[in-house]
N, C-alpha and C. Protein backbone atom coordinates (compact mmCIF):
# COMPACT_ATOMS: atom_id res chain seq x y z
N MET A 1 119.73 13.54 -82.63
CA MET A 1 118.74 13.97 -82.91
C MET A 1 118.67 15.20 -84.13
N ASN A 2 118.14 15.48 -85.20
CA ASN A 2 118.59 16.38 -86.17
C ASN A 2 117.89 17.73 -85.45
N ASN A 3 117.96 18.50 -86.61
CA ASN A 3 117.72 20.09 -86.11
C ASN A 3 116.53 20.59 -86.40
N SER A 4 115.79 19.79 -86.90
CA SER A 4 114.18 20.12 -87.02
C SER A 4 113.61 19.87 -85.52
N LYS A 5 113.87 18.28 -85.18
CA LYS A 5 113.48 17.99 -84.31
C LYS A 5 113.93 18.77 -83.01
N LYS A 6 115.03 19.42 -82.54
CA LYS A 6 115.38 20.08 -81.94
C LYS A 6 115.09 21.49 -81.68
N SER A 7 114.48 21.92 -83.12
CA SER A 7 113.88 23.11 -82.90
C SER A 7 112.34 22.72 -82.65
N LEU A 8 112.02 21.76 -83.16
CA LEU A 8 110.30 21.46 -82.67
C LEU A 8 110.34 21.62 -81.15
N PHE A 9 111.22 20.94 -80.31
CA PHE A 9 110.94 20.50 -79.06
C PHE A 9 111.63 21.82 -78.46
N TYR A 10 112.66 22.62 -78.87
CA TYR A 10 112.63 24.06 -78.64
C TYR A 10 111.51 24.84 -78.28
N ARG A 11 110.54 25.04 -79.63
CA ARG A 11 109.30 25.54 -79.97
C ARG A 11 108.54 24.87 -79.05
N ILE A 12 108.38 24.06 -78.43
CA ILE A 12 107.14 23.38 -77.67
C ILE A 12 107.35 23.92 -76.12
N GLY A 13 108.77 23.81 -75.74
CA GLY A 13 109.08 23.84 -74.73
C GLY A 13 108.77 25.34 -74.37
N LEU A 14 109.17 26.35 -75.58
CA LEU A 14 108.94 27.73 -75.01
C LEU A 14 107.81 28.07 -74.89
N LEU A 15 106.62 27.93 -75.81
CA LEU A 15 105.43 27.53 -75.60
C LEU A 15 104.68 26.86 -74.79
N ILE A 16 105.21 26.26 -73.80
CA ILE A 16 104.78 25.62 -72.60
C ILE A 16 105.15 26.96 -71.32
N PHE A 17 106.46 27.13 -71.61
CA PHE A 17 107.00 27.84 -70.40
C PHE A 17 106.27 29.27 -70.60
N ILE A 18 105.95 29.37 -72.10
CA ILE A 18 105.36 30.96 -71.67
C ILE A 18 103.98 31.28 -71.52
N LEU A 19 103.16 29.52 -71.57
CA LEU A 19 102.26 29.43 -71.18
C LEU A 19 101.33 29.33 -69.79
N ILE A 20 102.86 28.84 -68.99
CA ILE A 20 102.89 28.88 -67.10
C ILE A 20 103.37 30.08 -66.67
N LEU A 21 104.37 30.87 -67.56
CA LEU A 21 104.72 31.84 -66.81
C LEU A 21 103.27 32.90 -67.05
N SER A 22 102.24 33.15 -68.16
CA SER A 22 101.47 33.90 -68.16
C SER A 22 100.17 33.77 -67.54
N PHE A 23 99.98 32.11 -66.92
CA PHE A 23 98.99 31.59 -65.69
C PHE A 23 99.84 32.08 -64.80
N VAL A 24 100.97 31.92 -64.23
CA VAL A 24 101.23 32.15 -62.87
C VAL A 24 100.80 34.24 -62.66
N PHE A 25 101.35 34.61 -63.99
CA PHE A 25 101.53 36.37 -63.44
C PHE A 25 100.06 36.38 -63.68
N SER A 26 99.33 35.88 -64.63
CA SER A 26 97.52 36.62 -64.15
C SER A 26 97.15 36.24 -62.99
N ILE A 27 97.63 35.21 -62.53
CA ILE A 27 97.12 34.95 -60.58
C ILE A 27 98.01 35.55 -59.62
N SER A 28 98.78 35.67 -59.77
CA SER A 28 99.33 37.03 -59.15
C SER A 28 98.70 38.17 -59.22
N VAL A 29 98.44 38.86 -60.55
CA VAL A 29 98.07 39.82 -60.83
C VAL A 29 96.35 39.96 -59.84
N TYR A 30 95.64 38.87 -59.77
CA TYR A 30 94.45 38.80 -59.43
C TYR A 30 94.86 38.60 -57.89
N SER A 31 95.46 38.37 -57.35
CA SER A 31 95.49 38.10 -56.01
C SER A 31 96.19 39.26 -55.70
N PHE A 32 96.89 40.12 -56.03
CA PHE A 32 97.20 41.19 -55.51
C PHE A 32 96.50 42.26 -55.52
N PHE A 33 95.39 42.07 -56.59
CA PHE A 33 94.31 43.60 -56.48
C PHE A 33 93.28 43.36 -55.37
N GLU A 34 93.31 41.62 -55.25
CA GLU A 34 92.05 40.82 -54.48
C GLU A 34 92.74 41.67 -53.09
N ASN A 35 93.93 41.38 -52.82
CA ASN A 35 94.29 41.89 -51.55
C ASN A 35 94.03 43.22 -51.17
N ILE A 36 94.30 43.89 -52.47
CA ILE A 36 93.99 45.46 -52.10
C ILE A 36 92.80 45.64 -51.87
N PHE A 37 91.68 44.93 -52.41
CA PHE A 37 90.13 45.23 -52.24
C PHE A 37 90.05 44.40 -50.94
N PHE A 38 90.63 43.51 -50.06
CA PHE A 38 90.22 43.06 -49.58
C PHE A 38 90.55 43.83 -48.11
N GLU A 39 92.04 44.91 -48.27
CA GLU A 39 92.19 45.52 -47.30
C GLU A 39 91.48 46.95 -47.07
N LYS A 40 90.67 47.10 -48.00
CA LYS A 40 90.18 48.37 -48.12
C LYS A 40 89.04 48.04 -47.49
N LEU A 41 88.13 46.55 -47.73
CA LEU A 41 87.22 46.44 -47.32
C LEU A 41 87.49 46.03 -45.77
N ALA A 42 88.42 45.95 -45.33
CA ALA A 42 88.62 45.74 -43.90
C ALA A 42 88.76 46.90 -43.22
N ILE A 43 89.39 48.01 -43.69
CA ILE A 43 89.59 49.39 -43.48
C ILE A 43 88.14 50.00 -42.79
N ILE A 44 87.03 49.94 -44.07
CA ILE A 44 85.77 50.22 -44.00
C ILE A 44 84.96 49.52 -42.77
N MET A 45 85.46 48.48 -42.81
CA MET A 45 84.61 47.37 -41.81
C MET A 45 85.18 47.59 -39.87
N GLY A 46 86.17 47.80 -39.80
CA GLY A 46 86.60 48.33 -38.92
C GLY A 46 86.04 49.52 -38.75
N ILE A 47 86.13 50.84 -39.57
CA ILE A 47 85.58 51.73 -39.03
C ILE A 47 84.16 51.64 -38.31
N VAL A 48 83.15 50.91 -38.97
CA VAL A 48 81.47 50.56 -39.14
C VAL A 48 81.89 49.93 -37.53
N THR A 49 82.65 48.64 -37.68
CA THR A 49 82.97 48.25 -36.19
C THR A 49 83.56 48.88 -34.63
N ASN A 50 83.95 49.97 -35.34
CA ASN A 50 84.64 50.65 -34.17
C ASN A 50 83.02 52.04 -33.70
N ASP A 51 82.34 52.12 -34.88
CA ASP A 51 81.08 53.11 -34.40
C ASP A 51 79.95 52.10 -33.70
N SER A 52 79.58 51.13 -34.47
CA SER A 52 78.19 50.33 -33.78
C SER A 52 78.44 49.08 -33.96
N LYS A 53 78.08 48.01 -33.01
CA LYS A 53 78.35 46.64 -33.02
C LYS A 53 77.33 46.38 -33.35
N ASN A 54 76.11 47.20 -33.65
CA ASN A 54 74.71 46.41 -33.95
C ASN A 54 74.85 46.82 -35.67
N LEU A 55 75.72 47.63 -36.21
CA LEU A 55 75.54 47.79 -38.07
C LEU A 55 76.72 46.84 -38.19
N GLU A 56 77.94 46.28 -37.35
CA GLU A 56 78.65 45.54 -37.86
C GLU A 56 77.96 43.97 -37.93
N ILE A 57 77.09 43.73 -36.99
CA ILE A 57 76.59 42.46 -37.37
C ILE A 57 75.68 42.60 -38.24
N GLU A 58 74.72 43.35 -38.64
CA GLU A 58 74.05 43.44 -39.81
C GLU A 58 74.93 43.48 -41.38
N ILE A 59 75.67 44.47 -41.41
CA ILE A 59 76.68 44.35 -42.26
C ILE A 59 76.97 42.50 -42.93
N MET A 60 77.73 42.11 -41.96
CA MET A 60 78.31 40.74 -41.92
C MET A 60 77.03 39.71 -42.45
N ASN A 61 75.64 39.95 -41.83
CA ASN A 61 74.91 38.92 -42.15
C ASN A 61 74.43 39.23 -43.32
N GLN A 62 74.77 40.63 -43.97
CA GLN A 62 74.02 40.70 -45.64
C GLN A 62 75.09 40.32 -46.69
N LEU A 63 76.83 40.44 -45.98
CA LEU A 63 77.83 39.61 -46.91
C LEU A 63 77.38 37.94 -46.92
N LYS A 64 76.93 37.79 -45.42
CA LYS A 64 76.68 36.56 -45.78
C LYS A 64 75.51 35.96 -46.58
N SER A 65 74.77 36.83 -46.33
CA SER A 65 73.49 35.94 -47.15
C SER A 65 73.46 36.20 -48.61
N GLU A 66 72.49 35.33 -49.14
CA GLU A 66 72.35 35.97 -50.85
C GLU A 66 71.19 36.97 -51.54
N SER A 67 70.91 37.82 -50.29
CA SER A 67 69.98 38.55 -50.30
C SER A 67 70.96 40.05 -50.82
N ASN A 68 70.16 41.03 -51.83
CA ASN A 68 70.78 42.07 -52.34
C ASN A 68 70.46 43.37 -51.32
N LYS A 69 69.90 43.19 -50.46
CA LYS A 69 68.49 44.40 -50.14
C LYS A 69 69.69 45.89 -49.97
N TYR A 70 70.83 45.97 -49.76
CA TYR A 70 71.44 47.28 -50.01
C TYR A 70 72.64 47.17 -50.44
N PHE A 71 72.27 46.55 -51.88
CA PHE A 71 73.19 46.43 -53.09
C PHE A 71 73.13 47.81 -53.78
N LEU A 72 72.06 48.49 -54.42
CA LEU A 72 71.54 49.37 -55.35
C LEU A 72 71.98 50.64 -54.21
N ILE A 73 71.60 50.84 -53.02
CA ILE A 73 72.06 51.80 -52.21
C ILE A 73 73.66 51.89 -52.11
N GLY A 74 74.14 50.90 -51.80
CA GLY A 74 75.81 50.65 -52.12
C GLY A 74 76.41 51.25 -53.08
N LYS A 75 75.09 50.54 -54.04
CA LYS A 75 76.14 51.23 -55.49
C LYS A 75 76.39 52.26 -55.72
N LYS A 76 74.72 52.95 -55.16
CA LYS A 76 74.91 54.66 -55.86
C LYS A 76 75.91 55.72 -54.37
N THR A 77 75.88 54.47 -53.88
CA THR A 77 77.20 55.28 -52.36
C THR A 77 78.40 55.79 -53.12
N LEU A 78 78.82 54.24 -53.37
CA LEU A 78 79.98 54.24 -54.00
C LEU A 78 79.99 54.92 -55.22
N GLY A 79 79.35 54.73 -56.18
CA GLY A 79 78.97 55.79 -57.45
C GLY A 79 79.75 57.63 -57.36
N LYS A 80 78.69 57.40 -55.84
CA LYS A 80 79.07 59.23 -55.93
C LYS A 80 80.67 59.60 -55.59
N TYR A 81 81.67 58.30 -55.16
CA TYR A 81 82.47 58.60 -54.76
C TYR A 81 83.48 58.26 -55.93
N GLY A 82 83.31 57.89 -57.01
CA GLY A 82 84.13 57.54 -58.23
C GLY A 82 84.12 55.90 -58.52
N TYR A 83 83.45 55.59 -57.68
CA TYR A 83 84.23 53.64 -57.72
C TYR A 83 82.79 53.10 -58.79
N ASP A 84 82.75 52.51 -59.64
CA ASP A 84 81.66 52.41 -60.71
C ASP A 84 82.15 50.60 -60.67
N PHE A 85 80.66 50.19 -60.33
CA PHE A 85 81.05 48.67 -60.31
C PHE A 85 81.74 47.56 -61.37
N GLU A 86 81.22 48.32 -62.45
CA GLU A 86 81.69 47.53 -64.15
C GLU A 86 82.97 47.32 -64.15
N ARG A 87 84.11 48.21 -63.23
CA ARG A 87 85.30 47.75 -63.17
C ARG A 87 85.84 46.74 -62.04
N PHE A 88 85.14 46.69 -61.12
CA PHE A 88 85.31 45.59 -60.56
C PHE A 88 85.66 44.21 -60.79
N ILE A 89 87.07 43.60 -60.93
CA ILE A 89 87.05 42.46 -61.46
C ILE A 89 87.13 41.06 -60.60
N PHE A 90 86.91 41.09 -59.83
CA PHE A 90 87.04 40.27 -58.39
C PHE A 90 85.54 39.16 -58.64
N LEU A 91 86.04 38.29 -58.54
CA LEU A 91 84.99 36.73 -58.62
C LEU A 91 85.33 36.28 -57.27
N GLU A 92 83.85 35.50 -56.99
CA GLU A 92 83.90 34.97 -55.84
C GLU A 92 84.47 33.35 -55.99
N ASP A 93 84.36 32.52 -56.78
CA ASP A 93 84.64 31.71 -57.41
C ASP A 93 85.87 31.51 -57.76
N ARG A 94 86.78 30.54 -57.34
CA ARG A 94 88.29 30.16 -57.68
C ARG A 94 88.44 29.58 -58.55
N LYS A 95 87.29 28.69 -59.16
CA LYS A 95 87.33 27.91 -60.26
C LYS A 95 87.41 29.23 -61.69
N LYS A 96 86.68 30.23 -61.41
CA LYS A 96 86.15 31.18 -62.35
C LYS A 96 87.60 31.68 -62.42
N VAL A 97 88.39 32.33 -61.71
CA VAL A 97 89.43 32.87 -61.74
C VAL A 97 90.66 32.32 -62.28
N ILE A 98 90.39 30.75 -62.16
CA ILE A 98 91.73 30.11 -62.63
C ILE A 98 91.45 29.74 -64.06
N TYR A 99 90.19 29.56 -64.20
CA TYR A 99 89.61 29.27 -65.71
C TYR A 99 89.93 30.79 -66.64
N ALA A 100 89.59 31.54 -65.91
CA ALA A 100 90.11 32.94 -66.68
C ALA A 100 91.05 33.27 -67.41
N SER A 101 92.26 32.83 -65.98
CA SER A 101 93.73 33.06 -66.20
C SER A 101 94.30 32.09 -66.85
N PHE A 102 93.79 31.16 -67.01
CA PHE A 102 94.03 29.86 -68.17
C PHE A 102 93.89 30.33 -69.43
N LEU A 103 92.67 31.20 -69.65
CA LEU A 103 92.22 31.03 -71.06
C LEU A 103 93.33 32.52 -71.48
N PHE A 104 93.19 33.19 -70.49
CA PHE A 104 94.09 34.20 -70.79
C PHE A 104 95.78 33.98 -71.25
N SER A 105 96.24 33.02 -69.86
CA SER A 105 97.37 32.07 -70.82
C SER A 105 97.54 31.43 -72.43
N VAL A 106 96.28 31.06 -72.70
CA VAL A 106 95.88 30.21 -73.97
C VAL A 106 96.46 31.37 -74.80
N LEU A 107 95.36 32.76 -74.49
CA LEU A 107 95.63 33.28 -75.73
C LEU A 107 96.93 33.69 -76.30
N ILE A 108 97.84 34.31 -74.79
CA ILE A 108 98.98 34.63 -74.81
C ILE A 108 99.86 34.03 -75.20
N THR A 109 99.97 32.64 -75.47
CA THR A 109 100.49 31.48 -75.80
C THR A 109 100.21 31.67 -77.50
N PHE A 110 98.91 31.74 -77.35
CA PHE A 110 98.75 31.30 -79.33
C PHE A 110 99.30 32.79 -79.96
N ILE A 111 99.16 33.69 -79.48
CA ILE A 111 99.54 35.08 -79.88
C ILE A 111 101.27 34.69 -79.94
N PHE A 112 101.94 34.69 -79.16
CA PHE A 112 103.25 34.22 -79.50
C PHE A 112 103.45 33.13 -80.26
N TYR A 113 102.66 32.17 -80.37
CA TYR A 113 103.03 30.93 -81.12
C TYR A 113 102.91 31.67 -82.83
N ILE A 114 101.70 32.30 -83.26
CA ILE A 114 101.90 33.28 -84.16
C ILE A 114 102.70 34.18 -84.69
N TYR A 115 103.40 34.55 -83.76
CA TYR A 115 104.47 35.69 -83.79
C TYR A 115 105.53 34.62 -84.53
N MET A 116 105.80 33.41 -83.62
CA MET A 116 107.02 33.21 -83.85
C MET A 116 107.30 32.10 -85.11
N TYR A 117 105.51 31.89 -85.75
CA TYR A 117 105.43 30.92 -87.03
C TYR A 117 106.06 32.17 -88.02
N ILE A 118 105.06 33.22 -87.87
CA ILE A 118 105.59 34.53 -88.87
C ILE A 118 106.71 34.66 -89.17
N SER A 119 107.50 34.93 -87.78
CA SER A 119 109.00 34.87 -87.97
C SER A 119 110.01 33.94 -88.51
N ASN A 120 109.33 32.71 -88.08
CA ASN A 120 109.79 31.56 -88.90
C ASN A 120 109.68 32.00 -90.77
N GLU A 121 108.71 31.93 -90.97
CA GLU A 121 108.30 31.60 -92.31
C GLU A 121 108.77 33.33 -93.11
N ASN A 122 109.55 34.22 -92.28
CA ASN A 122 110.25 35.47 -92.81
C ASN A 122 111.85 35.08 -93.07
N LYS A 123 112.48 33.96 -91.77
CA LYS A 123 113.46 33.61 -92.11
C LYS A 123 113.41 32.90 -93.49
N LYS A 124 112.58 31.64 -93.47
CA LYS A 124 112.53 30.96 -94.79
C LYS A 124 112.60 31.61 -95.75
N LYS A 125 111.65 33.23 -95.79
CA LYS A 125 111.94 33.44 -97.18
C LYS A 125 113.29 34.38 -97.46
N ASN A 126 113.83 34.89 -96.63
CA ASN A 126 114.73 35.59 -96.80
C ASN A 126 115.91 34.66 -97.05
N THR A 127 116.42 33.66 -96.28
CA THR A 127 116.97 32.41 -96.56
C THR A 127 117.13 31.85 -98.22
N GLU A 128 115.86 31.70 -98.28
CA GLU A 128 115.65 31.54 -100.15
C GLU A 128 116.28 32.58 -101.17
N SER A 129 115.53 33.96 -100.81
CA SER A 129 116.01 34.93 -101.50
C SER A 129 117.98 35.21 -101.46
N LEU A 130 118.24 35.14 -100.42
CA LEU A 130 119.51 34.96 -100.50
C LEU A 130 120.95 33.48 -101.18
N LYS A 131 119.58 32.49 -101.15
CA LYS A 131 120.27 31.27 -101.59
C LYS A 131 120.03 31.43 -103.35
N ASN A 132 118.59 31.93 -103.88
CA ASN A 132 118.58 32.73 -105.07
C ASN A 132 119.73 33.55 -105.44
N TYR A 133 119.81 34.48 -104.82
CA TYR A 133 120.72 35.52 -105.13
C TYR A 133 122.41 35.06 -105.39
N LEU A 134 122.60 33.84 -104.36
CA LEU A 134 123.90 33.43 -104.76
C LEU A 134 124.36 32.66 -105.63
N LYS A 135 122.94 31.69 -106.11
CA LYS A 135 123.18 30.96 -107.41
C LYS A 135 123.14 31.61 -108.76
N ARG A 136 122.43 32.98 -108.34
CA ARG A 136 122.63 33.87 -109.72
C ARG A 136 124.05 34.21 -110.00
N ILE A 137 124.97 34.37 -108.67
CA ILE A 137 126.09 35.16 -108.48
C ILE A 137 127.27 33.96 -109.34
N ASN A 138 126.79 32.39 -108.74
CA ASN A 138 127.42 31.43 -109.37
C ASN A 138 127.49 31.34 -111.15
N ARG A 139 126.33 31.38 -111.26
CA ARG A 139 125.90 31.47 -112.61
C ARG A 139 126.67 32.58 -113.26
N GLY A 140 127.50 33.58 -112.93
CA GLY A 140 127.96 34.58 -113.69
C GLY A 140 126.90 36.38 -113.71
N ASP A 141 125.70 36.27 -113.29
CA ASP A 141 124.83 37.25 -113.22
C ASP A 141 124.92 37.89 -111.67
N TYR A 142 126.14 39.07 -112.17
CA TYR A 142 126.41 40.52 -110.74
C TYR A 142 125.43 41.06 -110.61
N SER A 143 124.49 41.28 -110.98
CA SER A 143 123.12 42.62 -110.79
C SER A 143 122.48 42.15 -109.58
N PHE A 144 122.70 43.21 -108.75
CA PHE A 144 121.84 43.42 -107.50
C PHE A 144 120.56 44.39 -107.77
N ASN A 145 119.65 43.53 -107.65
CA ASN A 145 118.56 43.92 -108.15
C ASN A 145 117.84 43.07 -106.51
N VAL A 146 117.12 44.73 -105.85
CA VAL A 146 116.67 44.58 -104.55
C VAL A 146 115.04 43.93 -104.63
N PHE A 147 114.44 44.47 -105.40
CA PHE A 147 113.50 43.40 -105.91
C PHE A 147 113.04 42.25 -106.43
N ARG A 148 114.41 41.98 -106.61
CA ARG A 148 114.00 40.40 -107.23
C ARG A 148 114.66 39.80 -106.06
N LEU A 149 115.17 39.87 -105.11
CA LEU A 149 115.50 39.56 -104.26
C LEU A 149 114.14 38.83 -103.65
């Protein structure tokens, strides 16, 4: 196997590794913050349950239903304490989480591919410049011109 095939397999392998790593990382970060959110919500439910059994039943019914009867009131209450609805990133559908993580992974992999491509082109350019400089030295031209490299 020649060097160009090894280099190609190496790059493809590296890109696949980055794709998988960034996918796992994004899912892990999402799960971490989702767990924190769930713990805080559990604390709130624990306080409410401790104070009133009727309130617990009403809250759980609202959480399970499609109705957003208390949404605006809850949004205003959270806003009073500095929690902005726009900053919550948690999604109900796991497919959306996986899809968003995959898109993030593809984006990171694409950015890394561009970096690898630019780096490779710079190496080729520098190698070509050095080759031309060595050819000039072999012809007897010992002048060193930085701008001509």
